[in-house]
Full PDB file with SEQRES, HELIX, SHEET, SSBOND, CRYST1, ORIGX, SCALE, CONECT and MASTER records, all heavy atoms in Angstrom:
SEQRES   1 A   41  GLN ARG GLU LEU VAL ALA GLY ILE THR SER GLY GLY THR          
SEQRES   2 A   41  THR ASN TYR ALA ASP SER VAL LYS GLY ARG PHE THR ILE          
SEQRES   3 A   41  SER ARG ASP ASN ALA LYS ASN THR VAL TYR LEU GLN MET          
SEQRES   4 A   41  ASN SER                                                      
HELIX    1 AA1 ASP A   18  VAL A   20  5                                   3    
SHEET    1 AA1 2 ALA A   6  ILE A   8  0                                        
SHEET    2 AA1 2 THR A  14  TYR A  16 -1                                        
SHEET    1 AA2 2 PHE A  24  ASP A  29  0                                        
SHEET    2 AA2 2 THR A  34  MET A  39 -1                                        
CRYST1    1.000    1.000    1.000  90.00  90.00  90.00 P 1           1          
ORIGX1      1.000000  0.000000  0.000000        0.00000                         
ORIGX2      0.000000  1.000000  0.000000        0.00000                         
ORIGX3      0.000000  0.000000  1.000000        0.00000                         
SCALE1      1.000000  0.000000  0.000000        0.00000                         
SCALE2      0.000000  1.000000  0.000000        0.00000                         
SCALE3      0.000000  0.000000  1.000000        0.00000                         
ATOM      1  N   GLN A   1      10.939   8.004  13.875  1.00  0.00           N  
ATOM      2  CA  GLN A   1      11.303   6.629  13.478  1.00  0.00           C  
ATOM      3  C   GLN A   1      10.634   6.250  12.212  1.00  0.00           C  
ATOM      4  O   GLN A   1       9.502   6.805  11.747  1.00  0.00           O  
ATOM      5  CB  GLN A   1      10.822   5.624  14.583  1.00  0.00           C  
ATOM      6  CG  GLN A   1      11.604   5.757  15.824  1.00  0.00           C  
ATOM      7  CD  GLN A   1      11.323   4.605  16.855  1.00  0.00           C  
ATOM      8  OE1 GLN A   1      10.261   4.074  16.850  1.00  0.00           O  
ATOM      9  NE2 GLN A   1      12.329   4.248  17.601  1.00  0.00           N  
ATOM     10  N   ARG A   2      11.156   5.368  11.483  1.00  0.00           N  
ATOM     11  CA  ARG A   2      10.516   4.806  10.301  1.00  0.00           C  
ATOM     12  C   ARG A   2       9.225   4.048  10.672  1.00  0.00           C  
ATOM     13  O   ARG A   2       9.187   3.315  11.619  1.00  0.00           O  
ATOM     14  CB  ARG A   2      11.451   3.837   9.576  1.00  0.00           C  
ATOM     15  CG  ARG A   2      10.990   3.452   8.199  1.00  0.00           C  
ATOM     16  CD  ARG A   2      12.086   2.648   7.418  1.00  0.00           C  
ATOM     17  NE  ARG A   2      13.320   3.464   7.223  1.00  0.00           N  
ATOM     18  CZ  ARG A   2      14.356   2.938   6.469  1.00  0.00           C  
ATOM     19  NH1 ARG A   2      14.184   1.825   5.887  1.00  0.00           N  
ATOM     20  NH2 ARG A   2      15.330   3.726   6.274  1.00  0.00           N  
ATOM     21  N   GLU A   3       8.141   4.306   9.895  1.00  0.00           N  
ATOM     22  CA  GLU A   3       6.853   3.700  10.253  1.00  0.00           C  
ATOM     23  C   GLU A   3       6.277   3.036   9.002  1.00  0.00           C  
ATOM     24  O   GLU A   3       6.510   3.541   7.796  1.00  0.00           O  
ATOM     25  CB  GLU A   3       5.916   4.788  10.757  1.00  0.00           C  
ATOM     26  CG  GLU A   3       5.602   5.868   9.810  1.00  0.00           C  
ATOM     27  CD  GLU A   3       4.557   6.809  10.380  1.00  0.00           C  
ATOM     28  OE1 GLU A   3       3.983   6.616  11.433  1.00  0.00           O  
ATOM     29  OE2 GLU A   3       4.175   7.879   9.584  1.00  0.00           O  
ATOM     30  N   LEU A   4       5.446   2.107   9.270  1.00  0.00           N  
ATOM     31  CA  LEU A   4       4.718   1.398   8.127  1.00  0.00           C  
ATOM     32  C   LEU A   4       3.615   2.259   7.683  1.00  0.00           C  
ATOM     33  O   LEU A   4       2.773   2.797   8.455  1.00  0.00           O  
ATOM     34  CB  LEU A   4       4.183   0.060   8.585  1.00  0.00           C  
ATOM     35  CG  LEU A   4       3.361  -0.656   7.597  1.00  0.00           C  
ATOM     36  CD1 LEU A   4       4.163  -1.084   6.354  1.00  0.00           C  
ATOM     37  CD2 LEU A   4       2.643  -1.889   8.221  1.00  0.00           C  
ATOM     38  N   VAL A   5       3.501   2.499   6.358  1.00  0.00           N  
ATOM     39  CA  VAL A   5       2.437   3.276   5.763  1.00  0.00           C  
ATOM     40  C   VAL A   5       1.390   2.354   5.211  1.00  0.00           C  
ATOM     41  O   VAL A   5       0.194   2.490   5.431  1.00  0.00           O  
ATOM     42  CB  VAL A   5       2.972   4.157   4.605  1.00  0.00           C  
ATOM     43  CG1 VAL A   5       1.850   4.800   3.910  1.00  0.00           C  
ATOM     44  CG2 VAL A   5       4.022   5.139   5.177  1.00  0.00           C  
ATOM     45  N   ALA A   6       1.771   1.300   4.391  1.00  0.00           N  
ATOM     46  CA  ALA A   6       0.816   0.376   3.825  1.00  0.00           C  
ATOM     47  C   ALA A   6       1.582  -0.851   3.432  1.00  0.00           C  
ATOM     48  O   ALA A   6       2.752  -0.823   3.117  1.00  0.00           O  
ATOM     49  CB  ALA A   6       0.216   1.009   2.619  1.00  0.00           C  
ATOM     50  N   GLY A   7       0.880  -1.973   3.472  1.00  0.00           N  
ATOM     51  CA  GLY A   7       1.457  -3.251   3.129  1.00  0.00           C  
ATOM     52  C   GLY A   7       0.547  -4.015   2.266  1.00  0.00           C  
ATOM     53  O   GLY A   7      -0.723  -3.895   2.306  1.00  0.00           O  
ATOM     54  N   ILE A   8       1.122  -4.993   1.484  1.00  0.00           N  
ATOM     55  CA  ILE A   8       0.243  -5.884   0.641  1.00  0.00           C  
ATOM     56  C   ILE A   8       0.962  -7.252   0.697  1.00  0.00           C  
ATOM     57  O   ILE A   8       2.093  -7.291   0.414  1.00  0.00           O  
ATOM     58  CB  ILE A   8       0.020  -5.259  -0.765  1.00  0.00           C  
ATOM     59  CG1 ILE A   8      -0.887  -6.238  -1.514  1.00  0.00           C  
ATOM     60  CG2 ILE A   8       1.323  -5.065  -1.534  1.00  0.00           C  
ATOM     61  CD1 ILE A   8      -1.420  -5.463  -2.856  1.00  0.00           C  
ATOM     62  N   THR A   9       0.182  -8.293   0.942  1.00  0.00           N  
ATOM     63  CA  THR A   9       0.752  -9.609   1.015  1.00  0.00           C  
ATOM     64  C   THR A   9       0.822 -10.110  -0.454  1.00  0.00           C  
ATOM     65  O   THR A   9       0.373  -9.620  -1.304  1.00  0.00           O  
ATOM     66  CB  THR A   9      -0.123 -10.507   1.905  1.00  0.00           C  
ATOM     67  OG1 THR A   9      -1.425 -10.673   1.185  1.00  0.00           O  
ATOM     68  CG2 THR A   9      -0.397  -9.947   3.253  1.00  0.00           C  
ATOM     69  N   SER A  10       1.442 -11.362  -0.426  1.00  0.00           N  
ATOM     70  CA  SER A  10       1.536 -12.019  -1.723  1.00  0.00           C  
ATOM     71  C   SER A  10       0.152 -12.379  -2.286  1.00  0.00           C  
ATOM     72  O   SER A  10      -0.009 -12.395  -3.442  1.00  0.00           O  
ATOM     73  CB  SER A  10       2.357 -13.300  -1.652  1.00  0.00           C  
ATOM     74  OG  SER A  10       1.772 -14.159  -0.659  1.00  0.00           O  
ATOM     75  N   GLY A  11      -0.847 -12.515  -1.428  1.00  0.00           N  
ATOM     76  CA  GLY A  11      -2.158 -12.841  -1.858  1.00  0.00           C  
ATOM     77  C   GLY A  11      -3.001 -11.609  -2.138  1.00  0.00           C  
ATOM     78  O   GLY A  11      -4.229 -11.780  -2.500  1.00  0.00           O  
ATOM     79  N   GLY A  12      -2.464 -10.441  -1.849  1.00  0.00           N  
ATOM     80  CA  GLY A  12      -3.190  -9.165  -2.187  1.00  0.00           C  
ATOM     81  C   GLY A  12      -3.962  -8.543  -1.021  1.00  0.00           C  
ATOM     82  O   GLY A  12      -4.562  -7.564  -1.248  1.00  0.00           O  
ATOM     83  N   THR A  13      -3.803  -9.123   0.193  1.00  0.00           N  
ATOM     84  CA  THR A  13      -4.424  -8.474   1.328  1.00  0.00           C  
ATOM     85  C   THR A  13      -3.578  -7.263   1.721  1.00  0.00           C  
ATOM     86  O   THR A  13      -2.402  -7.278   1.731  1.00  0.00           O  
ATOM     87  CB  THR A  13      -4.388  -9.437   2.561  1.00  0.00           C  
ATOM     88  OG1 THR A  13      -5.109 -10.626   2.197  1.00  0.00           O  
ATOM     89  CG2 THR A  13      -5.015  -8.855   3.727  1.00  0.00           C  
ATOM     90  N   THR A  14      -4.365  -6.177   1.986  1.00  0.00           N  
ATOM     91  CA  THR A  14      -3.703  -4.918   2.214  1.00  0.00           C  
ATOM     92  C   THR A  14      -3.954  -4.479   3.686  1.00  0.00           C  
ATOM     93  O   THR A  14      -4.894  -4.887   4.316  1.00  0.00           O  
ATOM     94  CB  THR A  14      -4.245  -3.766   1.364  1.00  0.00           C  
ATOM     95  OG1 THR A  14      -5.697  -3.673   1.478  1.00  0.00           O  
ATOM     96  CG2 THR A  14      -3.871  -4.124  -0.139  1.00  0.00           C  
ATOM     97  N   ASN A  15      -3.052  -3.653   4.160  1.00  0.00           N  
ATOM     98  CA  ASN A  15      -3.208  -2.995   5.506  1.00  0.00           C  
ATOM     99  C   ASN A  15      -2.567  -1.589   5.436  1.00  0.00           C  
ATOM    100  O   ASN A  15      -1.655  -1.354   4.691  1.00  0.00           O  
ATOM    101  CB  ASN A  15      -2.663  -3.786   6.653  1.00  0.00           C  
ATOM    102  CG  ASN A  15      -1.156  -3.896   6.535  1.00  0.00           C  
ATOM    103  OD1 ASN A  15      -0.715  -4.652   5.721  1.00  0.00           O  
ATOM    104  ND2 ASN A  15      -0.460  -3.218   7.473  1.00  0.00           N  
ATOM    105  N   TYR A  16      -3.169  -0.696   6.291  1.00  0.00           N  
ATOM    106  CA  TYR A  16      -2.730   0.663   6.214  1.00  0.00           C  
ATOM    107  C   TYR A  16      -2.572   1.217   7.653  1.00  0.00           C  
ATOM    108  O   TYR A  16      -3.286   0.798   8.525  1.00  0.00           O  
ATOM    109  CB  TYR A  16      -3.801   1.549   5.477  1.00  0.00           C  
ATOM    110  CG  TYR A  16      -4.021   1.121   4.052  1.00  0.00           C  
ATOM    111  CD1 TYR A  16      -5.002   0.199   3.718  1.00  0.00           C  
ATOM    112  CD2 TYR A  16      -3.262   1.731   3.041  1.00  0.00           C  
ATOM    113  CE1 TYR A  16      -5.162  -0.131   2.386  1.00  0.00           C  
ATOM    114  CE2 TYR A  16      -3.337   1.360   1.766  1.00  0.00           C  
ATOM    115  CZ  TYR A  16      -4.354   0.439   1.377  1.00  0.00           C  
ATOM    116  OH  TYR A  16      -4.536   0.103   0.073  1.00  0.00           O  
ATOM    117  N   ALA A  17      -1.693   2.221   7.741  1.00  0.00           N  
ATOM    118  CA  ALA A  17      -1.613   2.974   9.033  1.00  0.00           C  
ATOM    119  C   ALA A  17      -2.932   3.806   9.103  1.00  0.00           C  
ATOM    120  O   ALA A  17      -3.482   4.187   8.048  1.00  0.00           O  
ATOM    121  CB  ALA A  17      -0.393   3.922   8.970  1.00  0.00           C  
ATOM    122  N   ASP A  18      -3.335   4.058  10.328  1.00  0.00           N  
ATOM    123  CA  ASP A  18      -4.580   4.800  10.583  1.00  0.00           C  
ATOM    124  C   ASP A  18      -4.525   6.100   9.829  1.00  0.00           C  
ATOM    125  O   ASP A  18      -5.484   6.707   9.438  1.00  0.00           O  
ATOM    126  CB  ASP A  18      -4.916   4.939  11.998  1.00  0.00           C  
ATOM    127  CG  ASP A  18      -5.341   3.524  12.657  1.00  0.00           C  
ATOM    128  OD1 ASP A  18      -5.782   2.684  11.886  1.00  0.00           O  
ATOM    129  OD2 ASP A  18      -5.300   3.540  13.863  1.00  0.00           O  
ATOM    130  N   SER A  19      -3.341   6.781   9.954  1.00  0.00           N  
ATOM    131  CA  SER A  19      -3.193   8.111   9.481  1.00  0.00           C  
ATOM    132  C   SER A  19      -3.352   8.238   7.917  1.00  0.00           C  
ATOM    133  O   SER A  19      -3.551   9.426   7.456  1.00  0.00           O  
ATOM    134  CB  SER A  19      -1.796   8.664   9.854  1.00  0.00           C  
ATOM    135  OG  SER A  19      -0.757   7.818   9.214  1.00  0.00           O  
ATOM    136  N   VAL A  20      -3.338   7.158   7.162  1.00  0.00           N  
ATOM    137  CA  VAL A  20      -3.444   7.213   5.750  1.00  0.00           C  
ATOM    138  C   VAL A  20      -4.677   6.502   5.176  1.00  0.00           C  
ATOM    139  O   VAL A  20      -4.940   6.549   3.996  1.00  0.00           O  
ATOM    140  CB  VAL A  20      -2.175   6.767   5.085  1.00  0.00           C  
ATOM    141  CG1 VAL A  20      -0.970   7.415   5.540  1.00  0.00           C  
ATOM    142  CG2 VAL A  20      -2.018   5.251   5.157  1.00  0.00           C  
ATOM    143  N   LYS A  21      -5.419   5.784   6.079  1.00  0.00           N  
ATOM    144  CA  LYS A  21      -6.628   5.083   5.604  1.00  0.00           C  
ATOM    145  C   LYS A  21      -7.528   6.034   4.888  1.00  0.00           C  
ATOM    146  O   LYS A  21      -7.857   7.108   5.318  1.00  0.00           O  
ATOM    147  CB  LYS A  21      -7.321   4.421   6.788  1.00  0.00           C  
ATOM    148  CG  LYS A  21      -6.625   3.103   7.255  1.00  0.00           C  
ATOM    149  CD  LYS A  21      -7.384   2.481   8.412  1.00  0.00           C  
ATOM    150  CE  LYS A  21      -6.634   1.278   8.842  1.00  0.00           C  
ATOM    151  NZ  LYS A  21      -7.361   0.656  10.043  1.00  0.00           N  
ATOM    152  N   GLY A  22      -8.070   5.623   3.741  1.00  0.00           N  
ATOM    153  CA  GLY A  22      -8.973   6.311   3.013  1.00  0.00           C  
ATOM    154  C   GLY A  22      -8.362   7.343   1.986  1.00  0.00           C  
ATOM    155  O   GLY A  22      -9.023   7.986   1.170  1.00  0.00           O  
ATOM    156  N   ARG A  23      -7.020   7.546   2.165  1.00  0.00           N  
ATOM    157  CA  ARG A  23      -6.268   8.513   1.314  1.00  0.00           C  
ATOM    158  C   ARG A  23      -5.267   7.791   0.388  1.00  0.00           C  
ATOM    159  O   ARG A  23      -5.041   8.191  -0.723  1.00  0.00           O  
ATOM    160  CB  ARG A  23      -5.646   9.607   2.119  1.00  0.00           C  
ATOM    161  CG  ARG A  23      -6.477  10.374   3.027  1.00  0.00           C  
ATOM    162  CD  ARG A  23      -5.705  11.486   3.643  1.00  0.00           C  
ATOM    163  NE  ARG A  23      -4.735  11.091   4.629  1.00  0.00           N  
ATOM    164  CZ  ARG A  23      -3.383  11.458   4.418  1.00  0.00           C  
ATOM    165  NH1 ARG A  23      -3.114  12.297   3.441  1.00  0.00           N  
ATOM    166  NH2 ARG A  23      -2.533  11.020   5.319  1.00  0.00           N  
ATOM    167  N   PHE A  24      -4.669   6.766   0.970  1.00  0.00           N  
ATOM    168  CA  PHE A  24      -3.576   6.040   0.231  1.00  0.00           C  
ATOM    169  C   PHE A  24      -4.116   4.677  -0.214  1.00  0.00           C  
ATOM    170  O   PHE A  24      -4.844   4.001   0.525  1.00  0.00           O  
ATOM    171  CB  PHE A  24      -2.308   5.829   1.112  1.00  0.00           C  
ATOM    172  CG  PHE A  24      -1.599   7.108   1.448  1.00  0.00           C  
ATOM    173  CD1 PHE A  24      -2.069   8.379   1.211  1.00  0.00           C  
ATOM    174  CD2 PHE A  24      -0.336   6.986   2.009  1.00  0.00           C  
ATOM    175  CE1 PHE A  24      -1.349   9.580   1.466  1.00  0.00           C  
ATOM    176  CE2 PHE A  24       0.372   8.147   2.327  1.00  0.00           C  
ATOM    177  CZ  PHE A  24      -0.119   9.403   2.009  1.00  0.00           C  
ATOM    178  N   THR A  25      -3.548   4.149  -1.310  1.00  0.00           N  
ATOM    179  CA  THR A  25      -3.913   2.856  -1.736  1.00  0.00           C  
ATOM    180  C   THR A  25      -2.583   2.171  -2.247  1.00  0.00           C  
ATOM    181  O   THR A  25      -1.902   2.658  -3.149  1.00  0.00           O  
ATOM    182  CB  THR A  25      -4.916   2.979  -2.921  1.00  0.00           C  
ATOM    183  OG1 THR A  25      -6.144   3.604  -2.551  1.00  0.00           O  
ATOM    184  CG2 THR A  25      -5.295   1.529  -3.425  1.00  0.00           C  
ATOM    185  N   ILE A  26      -2.425   1.021  -1.714  1.00  0.00           N  
ATOM    186  CA  ILE A  26      -1.226   0.187  -2.198  1.00  0.00           C  
ATOM    187  C   ILE A  26      -1.810  -0.874  -3.186  1.00  0.00           C  
ATOM    188  O   ILE A  26      -2.854  -1.515  -2.918  1.00  0.00           O  
ATOM    189  CB  ILE A  26      -0.455  -0.427  -0.999  1.00  0.00           C  
ATOM    190  CG1 ILE A  26       0.765  -1.083  -1.499  1.00  0.00           C  
ATOM    191  CG2 ILE A  26      -1.459  -1.399  -0.254  1.00  0.00           C  
ATOM    192  CD1 ILE A  26       1.680  -1.547  -0.339  1.00  0.00           C  
ATOM    193  N   SER A  27      -1.003  -1.181  -4.166  1.00  0.00           N  
ATOM    194  CA  SER A  27      -1.398  -2.181  -5.121  1.00  0.00           C  
ATOM    195  C   SER A  27      -0.104  -2.794  -5.754  1.00  0.00           C  
ATOM    196  O   SER A  27       0.971  -2.227  -5.553  1.00  0.00           O  
ATOM    197  CB  SER A  27      -2.215  -1.635  -6.314  1.00  0.00           C  
ATOM    198  OG  SER A  27      -1.492  -0.658  -6.966  1.00  0.00           O  
ATOM    199  N   ARG A  28      -0.224  -3.959  -6.336  1.00  0.00           N  
ATOM    200  CA  ARG A  28       0.940  -4.631  -6.942  1.00  0.00           C  
ATOM    201  C   ARG A  28       0.523  -5.108  -8.331  1.00  0.00           C  
ATOM    202  O   ARG A  28      -0.595  -5.626  -8.488  1.00  0.00           O  
ATOM    203  CB  ARG A  28       1.425  -5.767  -6.071  1.00  0.00           C  
ATOM    204  CG  ARG A  28       0.549  -6.866  -5.788  1.00  0.00           C  
ATOM    205  CD  ARG A  28       0.998  -7.818  -4.707  1.00  0.00           C  
ATOM    206  NE  ARG A  28       2.281  -8.378  -5.015  1.00  0.00           N  
ATOM    207  CZ  ARG A  28       3.190  -8.944  -4.145  1.00  0.00           C  
ATOM    208  NH1 ARG A  28       2.848  -8.816  -2.831  1.00  0.00           N  
ATOM    209  NH2 ARG A  28       4.346  -9.430  -4.524  1.00  0.00           N  
ATOM    210  N   ASP A  29       1.524  -5.163  -9.185  1.00  0.00           N  
ATOM    211  CA  ASP A  29       1.397  -5.802 -10.452  1.00  0.00           C  
ATOM    212  C   ASP A  29       2.430  -6.822 -10.655  1.00  0.00           C  
ATOM    213  O   ASP A  29       3.636  -6.512 -10.868  1.00  0.00           O  
ATOM    214  CB  ASP A  29       1.463  -4.703 -11.580  1.00  0.00           C  
ATOM    215  CG  ASP A  29       1.214  -5.229 -12.947  1.00  0.00           C  
ATOM    216  OD1 ASP A  29       1.342  -6.365 -13.232  1.00  0.00           O  
ATOM    217  OD2 ASP A  29       0.862  -4.426 -13.837  1.00  0.00           O  
ATOM    218  N   ASN A  30       2.060  -8.049 -10.431  1.00  0.00           N  
ATOM    219  CA  ASN A  30       2.987  -9.174 -10.380  1.00  0.00           C  
ATOM    220  C   ASN A  30       3.607  -9.419 -11.887  1.00  0.00           C  
ATOM    221  O   ASN A  30       4.712  -9.853 -11.934  1.00  0.00           O  
ATOM    222  CB  ASN A  30       2.274 -10.462  -9.921  1.00  0.00           C  
ATOM    223  CG  ASN A  30       2.162 -10.476  -8.501  1.00  0.00           C  
ATOM    224  OD1 ASN A  30       2.669  -9.582  -7.680  1.00  0.00           O  
ATOM    225  ND2 ASN A  30       1.252 -11.340  -7.985  1.00  0.00           N  
ATOM    226  N   ALA A  31       2.893  -8.918 -12.857  1.00  0.00           N  
ATOM    227  CA  ALA A  31       3.453  -9.113 -14.239  1.00  0.00           C  
ATOM    228  C   ALA A  31       4.562  -8.099 -14.504  1.00  0.00           C  
ATOM    229  O   ALA A  31       5.452  -8.332 -15.314  1.00  0.00           O  
ATOM    230  CB  ALA A  31       2.351  -8.961 -15.190  1.00  0.00           C  
ATOM    231  N   LYS A  32       4.537  -6.981 -13.779  1.00  0.00           N  
ATOM    232  CA  LYS A  32       5.569  -5.961 -13.993  1.00  0.00           C  
ATOM    233  C   LYS A  32       6.528  -5.909 -12.801  1.00  0.00           C  
ATOM    234  O   LYS A  32       7.398  -5.029 -12.788  1.00  0.00           O  
ATOM    235  CB  LYS A  32       4.817  -4.584 -14.109  1.00  0.00           C  
ATOM    236  CG  LYS A  32       4.019  -4.456 -15.373  1.00  0.00           C  
ATOM    237  CD  LYS A  32       3.419  -3.072 -15.492  1.00  0.00           C  
ATOM    238  CE  LYS A  32       2.652  -2.989 -16.784  1.00  0.00           C  
ATOM    239  NZ  LYS A  32       2.013  -1.588 -16.924  1.00  0.00           N  
ATOM    240  N   ASN A  33       6.381  -6.784 -11.841  1.00  0.00           N  
ATOM    241  CA  ASN A  33       7.255  -6.761 -10.692  1.00  0.00           C  
ATOM    242  C   ASN A  33       7.326  -5.450 -10.103  1.00  0.00           C  
ATOM    243  O   ASN A  33       8.398  -4.991  -9.643  1.00  0.00           O  
ATOM    244  CB  ASN A  33       8.704  -7.233 -11.041  1.00  0.00           C  
ATOM    245  CG  ASN A  33       8.791  -8.764 -11.272  1.00  0.00           C  
ATOM    246  OD1 ASN A  33       7.799  -9.420 -11.254  1.00  0.00           O  
ATOM    247  ND2 ASN A  33      10.015  -9.215 -11.374  1.00  0.00           N  
ATOM    248  N   THR A  34       6.126  -4.841  -9.897  1.00  0.00           N  
ATOM    249  CA  THR A  34       6.143  -3.454  -9.340  1.00  0.00           C  
ATOM    250  C   THR A  34       4.969  -3.307  -8.321  1.00  0.00           C  
ATOM    251  O   THR A  34       3.989  -3.969  -8.410  1.00  0.00           O  
ATOM    252  CB  THR A  34       5.841  -2.462 -10.503  1.00  0.00           C  
ATOM    253  OG1 THR A  34       6.912  -2.625 -11.414  1.00  0.00           O  
ATOM    254  CG2 THR A  34       5.836  -1.024  -9.973  1.00  0.00           C  
ATOM    255  N   VAL A  35       5.275  -2.558  -7.279  1.00  0.00           N  
ATOM    256  CA  VAL A  35       4.269  -2.162  -6.313  1.00  0.00           C  
ATOM    257  C   VAL A  35       4.093  -0.674  -6.293  1.00  0.00           C  
ATOM    258  O   VAL A  35       5.028   0.019  -6.553  1.00  0.00           O  
ATOM    259  CB  VAL A  35       4.611  -2.691  -4.880  1.00  0.00           C  
ATOM    260  CG1 VAL A  35       5.943  -2.033  -4.411  1.00  0.00           C  
ATOM    261  CG2 VAL A  35       3.607  -2.548  -3.852  1.00  0.00           C  
ATOM    262  N   TYR A  36       2.875  -0.249  -6.112  1.00  0.00           N  
ATOM    263  CA  TYR A  36       2.601   1.208  -6.213  1.00  0.00           C  
ATOM    264  C   TYR A  36       1.949   1.688  -4.853  1.00  0.00           C  
ATOM    265  O   TYR A  36       1.362   0.944  -4.074  1.00  0.00           O  
ATOM    266  CB  TYR A  36       1.473   1.396  -7.312  1.00  0.00           C  
ATOM    267  CG  TYR A  36       1.944   0.826  -8.649  1.00  0.00           C  
ATOM    268  CD1 TYR A  36       1.507  -0.368  -9.109  1.00  0.00           C  
ATOM    269  CD2 TYR A  36       2.767   1.641  -9.496  1.00  0.00           C  
ATOM    270  CE1 TYR A  36       1.860  -0.900 -10.349  1.00  0.00           C  
ATOM    271  CE2 TYR A  36       3.121   1.205 -10.650  1.00  0.00           C  
ATOM    272  CZ  TYR A  36       2.724  -0.080 -11.157  1.00  0.00           C  
ATOM    273  OH  TYR A  36       3.080  -0.566 -12.369  1.00  0.00           O  
ATOM    274  N   LEU A  37       2.052   2.967  -4.648  1.00  0.00           N  
ATOM    275  CA  LEU A  37       1.397   3.625  -3.571  1.00  0.00           C  
ATOM    276  C   LEU A  37       0.760   4.933  -4.144  1.00  0.00           C  
ATOM    277  O   LEU A  37       1.426   5.858  -4.523  1.00  0.00           O  
ATOM    278  CB  LEU A  37       2.328   3.997  -2.486  1.00  0.00           C  
ATOM    279  CG  LEU A  37       1.638   4.553  -1.265  1.00  0.00           C  
ATOM    280  CD1 LEU A  37       0.786   3.562  -0.483  1.00  0.00           C  
ATOM    281  CD2 LEU A  37       2.731   5.126  -0.188  1.00  0.00           C  
ATOM    282  N   GLN A  38      -0.548   4.842  -4.282  1.00  0.00           N  
ATOM    283  CA  GLN A  38      -1.272   6.020  -4.740  1.00  0.00           C  
ATOM    284  C   GLN A  38      -1.624   6.853  -3.484  1.00  0.00           C  
ATOM    285  O   GLN A  38      -2.352   6.390  -2.524  1.00  0.00           O  
ATOM    286  CB  GLN A  38      -2.508   5.624  -5.420  1.00  0.00           C  
ATOM    287  CG  GLN A  38      -3.458   6.731  -5.946  1.00  0.00           C  
ATOM    288  CD  GLN A  38      -2.827   7.622  -7.038  1.00  0.00           C  
ATOM    289  OE1 GLN A  38      -2.245   7.076  -7.935  1.00  0.00           O  
ATOM    290  NE2 GLN A  38      -2.920   8.935  -6.852  1.00  0.00           N  
ATOM    291  N   MET A  39      -1.239   8.138  -3.495  1.00  0.00           N  
ATOM    292  CA  MET A  39      -1.400   9.016  -2.331  1.00  0.00           C  
ATOM    293  C   MET A  39      -2.289  10.181  -2.766  1.00  0.00           C  
ATOM    294  O   MET A  39      -1.852  10.986  -3.669  1.00  0.00           O  
ATOM    295  CB  MET A  39      -0.059   9.436  -1.820  1.00  0.00           C  
ATOM    296  CG  MET A  39       0.947   8.335  -1.515  1.00  0.00           C  
ATOM    297  SD  MET A  39       2.415   8.931  -0.765  1.00  0.00           S  
ATOM    298  CE  MET A  39       3.186   9.905  -2.016  1.00  0.00           C  
ATOM    299  N   ASN A  40      -3.419  10.274  -2.158  1.00  0.00           N  
ATOM    300  CA  ASN A  40      -4.378  11.362  -2.485  1.00  0.00           C  
ATOM    301  C   ASN A  40      -4.542  12.208  -1.231  1.00  0.00           C  
ATOM    302  O   ASN A  40      -4.253  11.786  -0.146  1.00  0.00           O  
ATOM    303  CB  ASN A  40      -5.713  10.813  -2.941  1.00  0.00           C  
ATOM    304  CG  ASN A  40      -5.637   9.993  -4.178  1.00  0.00           C  
ATOM    305  OD1 ASN A  40      -4.752  10.318  -5.096  1.00  0.00           O  
ATOM    306  ND2 ASN A  40      -6.482   9.003  -4.440  1.00  0.00           N  
ATOM    307  N   SER A  41      -5.088  13.389  -1.428  1.00  0.00           N  
ATOM    308  CA  SER A  41      -5.367  14.225  -0.288  1.00  0.00           C  
ATOM    309  C   SER A  41      -4.171  14.430   0.606  1.00  0.00           C  
ATOM    310  O   SER A  41      -4.310  14.327   1.883  1.00  0.00           O  
ATOM    311  CB  SER A  41      -6.617  13.829   0.484  1.00  0.00           C  
ATOM    312  OG  SER A  41      -7.728  13.729  -0.420  1.00  0.00           O  
TER     313      SER A  41                                                      
MASTER        0    0    0    1    4    0    0    6  312    1    0    4          
END                                                                             
């Protein structure tokens, strides 16, 4: 099934699936209308 990996609210609060905590980082750039997911390890 499709699962949530990471989320970021309009205010910048983030949450992560346990399986990716410490490895993935979600961020957003409101000036560029873009959201990113940095995936390491």
